[in-house]
Every structure is written in structure tokens, then in C-alpha cells.
């Protein structure tokens, strides 16, 4: 079980680690064997090495990231959240915006064991 406040803190840690591209902080919120499902039709990323690689790849294409949780809910050991984010694309300096939904299963130690994310990108603008 996770309570509402702890769910909010976990989401804040997720957003802070993504925005700063801090690999240590990023993997610290996930269990060692965590599954990260970024594509509902693809294979998940599994484990800290894959998660760190995912964040590193994001850092290569994104800067000045802003992540905001619009609202979150907690049900048992699952945290649900709607969010939006924006960042500057490193390639061309344009603005990228996305919005989505998270479902994160939380282990007894307070870390994420299974993470599902669905998102949409806004039309792009050039820099």
C-alpha cells in the first residue's frame, strides 16, 4: 500500500530526475528488476541498466525540461497520474510538448516495480 502523499512524492522524484537527467536519482525510484512500459505494444525496458540508458538517450535530445503532474490518485499499491511536459529539442531548438497518463505499481519498499505510460505529442514548433 502507498498513501496519497507518498504517491505525490514519488511522482515529484520522477519528474525531478527526468528534468535534471540524473541517472542515479532516476534508477533510485525503481526496483532493480523494474519494468518500464513506454509503448503498450512493445517490449518493456527491464532493470536499472535499461532505465539509465533510456534517460541518457532522452538527455541527448531534450533540454530545459518542465514536467508537471496535473492530478494523481492512489489505489492500493498503484499510483495513477495525469501529466504534461515541455522541453527544448537539442536538434533544432524547437519546443516539444506532450501530455499523458502514468500507472505505476509500487513495491513494499516504496519504489516503482512496474511503470506504464501513455502519452501524446503536440504539433511541433521549430526553433
C-alpha atoms as a PDB file:
ATOM      1  CA  UNK A   1       0.000   0.000   0.000  1.00  0.00           C
ATOM      2  CA  UNK A   2       1.065   3.556  -0.666  1.00  0.00           C
ATOM      3  CA  UNK A   3      -0.714   6.631   0.598  1.00  0.00           C
ATOM      4  CA  UNK A   4      -1.640   9.742  -1.361  1.00  0.00           C
ATOM      5  CA  UNK A   5       1.212  11.895  -0.022  1.00  0.00           C
ATOM      6  CA  UNK A   6       3.850   9.233  -0.729  1.00  0.00           C
ATOM      7  CA  UNK A   7       2.431   8.836  -4.242  1.00  0.00           C
ATOM      8  CA  UNK A   8       2.835  12.570  -4.808  1.00  0.00           C
ATOM      9  CA  UNK A   9       6.406  12.484  -3.515  1.00  0.00           C
ATOM     10  CA  UNK A  10       7.241   9.585  -5.814  1.00  0.00           C
ATOM     11  CA  UNK A  11       5.869  11.494  -8.818  1.00  0.00           C
ATOM     12  CA  UNK A  12       7.850  14.583  -7.791  1.00  0.00           C
ATOM     13  CA  UNK A  13      11.024  12.476  -7.621  1.00  0.00           C
ATOM     14  CA  UNK A  14      10.233  11.027 -11.072  1.00  0.00           C
ATOM     15  CA  UNK A  15       9.767  14.492 -12.574  1.00  0.00           C
ATOM     16  CA  UNK A  16      12.866  15.920 -10.866  1.00  0.00           C
ATOM     17  CA  UNK A  17      15.068  13.026 -12.043  1.00  0.00           C
ATOM     18  CA  UNK A  18      13.764  13.342 -15.618  1.00  0.00           C
ATOM     19  CA  UNK A  19      14.131  17.140 -15.698  1.00  0.00           C
ATOM     20  CA  UNK A  20      17.715  17.014 -14.409  1.00  0.00           C
ATOM     21  CA  UNK A  21      18.632  13.806 -16.282  1.00  0.00           C
ATOM     22  CA  UNK A  22      20.068  12.473 -13.018  1.00  0.00           C
ATOM     23  CA  UNK A  23      20.647   8.781 -13.689  1.00  0.00           C
ATOM     24  CA  UNK A  24      21.268   7.896 -10.040  1.00  0.00           C
ATOM     25  CA  UNK A  25      18.090   9.625  -8.865  1.00  0.00           C
ATOM     26  CA  UNK A  26      16.193   8.073 -11.802  1.00  0.00           C
ATOM     27  CA  UNK A  27      17.083   4.458 -11.030  1.00  0.00           C
ATOM     28  CA  UNK A  28      16.679   5.049  -7.274  1.00  0.00           C
ATOM     29  CA  UNK A  29      12.897   5.346  -7.703  1.00  0.00           C
ATOM     30  CA  UNK A  30      12.703   1.954  -9.469  1.00  0.00           C
ATOM     31  CA  UNK A  31      13.307  -1.555  -8.141  1.00  0.00           C
ATOM     32  CA  UNK A  32      16.331  -3.341  -9.621  1.00  0.00           C
ATOM     33  CA  UNK A  33      14.095  -5.507 -11.835  1.00  0.00           C
ATOM     34  CA  UNK A  34      11.506  -2.821 -12.648  1.00  0.00           C
ATOM     35  CA  UNK A  35       9.585  -2.919 -15.919  1.00  0.00           C
ATOM     36  CA  UNK A  36       9.088   0.356 -17.809  1.00  0.00           C
ATOM     37  CA  UNK A  37       6.346   0.127 -20.410  1.00  0.00           C
ATOM     38  CA  UNK A  38       6.603   3.224 -22.598  1.00  0.00           C
ATOM     39  CA  UNK A  39       4.913   1.535 -25.548  1.00  0.00           C
ATOM     40  CA  UNK A  40       1.824  -0.596 -24.880  1.00  0.00           C
ATOM     41  CA  UNK A  41       2.656  -2.738 -27.914  1.00  0.00           C
ATOM     42  CA  UNK A  42       6.396  -3.074 -27.400  1.00  0.00           C
ATOM     43  CA  UNK A  43       8.677  -4.875 -25.018  1.00  0.00           C
ATOM     44  CA  UNK A  44       9.291  -3.122 -21.698  1.00  0.00           C
ATOM     45  CA  UNK A  45      12.625  -1.807 -20.549  1.00  0.00           C
ATOM     46  CA  UNK A  46      13.709  -4.024 -17.647  1.00  0.00           C
ATOM     47  CA  UNK A  47      16.184  -3.217 -14.909  1.00  0.00           C
ATOM     48  CA  UNK A  48      18.369  -0.312 -13.885  1.00  0.00           C
ATOM     49  CA  UNK A  49      20.782  -0.502 -16.831  1.00  0.00           C
ATOM     50  CA  UNK A  50      17.967  -0.248 -19.379  1.00  0.00           C
ATOM     51  CA  UNK A  51      16.294   2.563 -17.418  1.00  0.00           C
ATOM     52  CA  UNK A  52      19.536   4.527 -17.128  1.00  0.00           C
ATOM     53  CA  UNK A  53      20.130   4.077 -20.871  1.00  0.00           C
ATOM     54  CA  UNK A  54      16.624   5.380 -21.594  1.00  0.00           C
ATOM     55  CA  UNK A  55      17.253   8.524 -19.540  1.00  0.00           C
ATOM     56  CA  UNK A  56      20.662   9.048 -21.175  1.00  0.00           C
ATOM     57  CA  UNK A  57      19.055   8.836 -24.619  1.00  0.00           C
ATOM     58  CA  UNK A  58      16.433  11.384 -23.515  1.00  0.00           C
ATOM     59  CA  UNK A  59      19.193  13.739 -22.344  1.00  0.00           C
ATOM     60  CA  UNK A  60      20.733  13.608 -25.831  1.00  0.00           C
ATOM     61  CA  UNK A  61      17.586  15.063 -27.405  1.00  0.00           C
ATOM     62  CA  UNK A  62      15.980  17.173 -24.639  1.00  0.00           C
ATOM     63  CA  UNK A  63      16.955  20.190 -22.534  1.00  0.00           C
ATOM     64  CA  UNK A  64      15.150  22.698 -20.290  1.00  0.00           C
ATOM     65  CA  UNK A  65      12.529  20.115 -19.415  1.00  0.00           C
ATOM     66  CA  UNK A  66       9.474  21.023 -17.365  1.00  0.00           C
ATOM     67  CA  UNK A  67       7.315  18.171 -16.017  1.00  0.00           C
ATOM     68  CA  UNK A  68       4.057  18.828 -14.183  1.00  0.00           C
ATOM     69  CA  UNK A  69       1.681  16.356 -12.587  1.00  0.00           C
ATOM     70  CA  UNK A  70      -1.814  17.701 -13.134  1.00  0.00           C
ATOM     71  CA  UNK A  71      -3.523  15.289 -10.771  1.00  0.00           C
ATOM     72  CA  UNK A  72      -2.751  11.981  -9.145  1.00  0.00           C
ATOM     73  CA  UNK A  73      -4.660   9.191  -7.452  1.00  0.00           C
ATOM     74  CA  UNK A  74      -3.618   6.214  -5.346  1.00  0.00           C
ATOM     75  CA  UNK A  75      -5.360   2.858  -5.267  1.00  0.00           C
ATOM     76  CA  UNK A  76      -3.754   0.192  -3.100  1.00  0.00           C
ATOM     77  CA  UNK A  77      -0.156  -0.021  -4.291  1.00  0.00           C
ATOM     78  CA  UNK A  78      -0.754   1.786  -7.601  1.00  0.00           C
ATOM     79  CA  UNK A  79      -0.165   5.459  -8.312  1.00  0.00           C
ATOM     80  CA  UNK A  80      -2.091   6.955 -11.232  1.00  0.00           C
ATOM     81  CA  UNK A  81      -1.366  10.406 -12.664  1.00  0.00           C
ATOM     82  CA  UNK A  82      -2.119  12.769 -15.498  1.00  0.00           C
ATOM     83  CA  UNK A  83       0.788  14.965 -16.528  1.00  0.00           C
ATOM     84  CA  UNK A  84       2.172  17.340 -19.119  1.00  0.00           C
ATOM     85  CA  UNK A  85       5.738  18.212 -20.053  1.00  0.00           C
ATOM     86  CA  UNK A  86       7.611  20.532 -22.337  1.00  0.00           C
ATOM     87  CA  UNK A  87      11.241  20.747 -23.380  1.00  0.00           C
ATOM     88  CA  UNK A  88      13.541  22.280 -25.922  1.00  0.00           C
ATOM     89  CA  UNK A  89      14.709  19.903 -28.634  1.00  0.00           C
ATOM     90  CA  UNK A  90      18.502  19.845 -28.787  1.00  0.00           C
ATOM     91  CA  UNK A  91      18.437  19.158 -32.522  1.00  0.00           C
ATOM     92  CA  UNK A  92      16.772  22.378 -33.658  1.00  0.00           C
ATOM     93  CA  UNK A  93      15.918  24.414 -30.556  1.00  0.00           C
ATOM     94  CA  UNK A  94      12.175  23.957 -31.105  1.00  0.00           C
ATOM     95  CA  UNK A  95       9.640  23.457 -28.369  1.00  0.00           C
ATOM     96  CA  UNK A  96       8.215  19.982 -27.765  1.00  0.00           C
ATOM     97  CA  UNK A  97       5.122  19.381 -25.637  1.00  0.00           C
ATOM     98  CA  UNK A  98       3.496  16.170 -24.504  1.00  0.00           C
ATOM     99  CA  UNK A  99       0.774  15.063 -22.127  1.00  0.00           C
ATOM    100  CA  UNK A 100       0.000  11.663 -20.757  1.00  0.00           C
ATOM    101  CA  UNK A 101      -1.085   9.234 -18.104  1.00  0.00           C
ATOM    102  CA  UNK A 102       1.009   7.113 -15.730  1.00  0.00           C
ATOM    103  CA  UNK A 103       0.136   3.915 -13.882  1.00  0.00           C
ATOM    104  CA  UNK A 104       2.928   2.915 -11.505  1.00  0.00           C
ATOM    105  CA  UNK A 105       2.854  -0.201  -9.344  1.00  0.00           C
ATOM    106  CA  UNK A 106       4.802   0.440  -6.159  1.00  0.00           C
ATOM    107  CA  UNK A 107       6.684  -2.263  -4.261  1.00  0.00           C
ATOM    108  CA  UNK A 108       6.639  -2.553  -0.468  1.00  0.00           C
ATOM    109  CA  UNK A 109       9.908  -0.566  -0.279  1.00  0.00           C
ATOM    110  CA  UNK A 110       8.260   2.459  -1.943  1.00  0.00           C
ATOM    111  CA  UNK A 111       9.968   2.081  -5.318  1.00  0.00           C
ATOM    112  CA  UNK A 112       8.288   1.514  -8.667  1.00  0.00           C
ATOM    113  CA  UNK A 113       8.235  -2.114  -9.799  1.00  0.00           C
ATOM    114  CA  UNK A 114       6.115  -1.711 -12.940  1.00  0.00           C
ATOM    115  CA  UNK A 115       5.548   1.529 -14.830  1.00  0.00           C
ATOM    116  CA  UNK A 116       3.104   2.110 -17.687  1.00  0.00           C
ATOM    117  CA  UNK A 117       2.951   5.370 -19.578  1.00  0.00           C
ATOM    118  CA  UNK A 118       0.680   6.548 -22.376  1.00  0.00           C
ATOM    119  CA  UNK A 119       1.330   9.934 -23.988  1.00  0.00           C
ATOM    120  CA  UNK A 120       0.630  12.159 -26.959  1.00  0.00           C
ATOM    121  CA  UNK A 121       2.843  14.819 -28.539  1.00  0.00           C
ATOM    122  CA  UNK A 122       1.515  18.240 -29.501  1.00  0.00           C
ATOM    123  CA  UNK A 123       2.249  19.522 -33.001  1.00  0.00           C
ATOM    124  CA  UNK A 124       5.869  20.684 -33.086  1.00  0.00           C
ATOM    125  CA  UNK A 125       7.219  24.183 -33.444  1.00  0.00           C
ATOM    126  CA  UNK A 126      10.567  24.990 -35.000  1.00  0.00           C
ATOM    127  CA  UNK A 127      13.264  26.993 -33.294  1.00  0.00           C
END
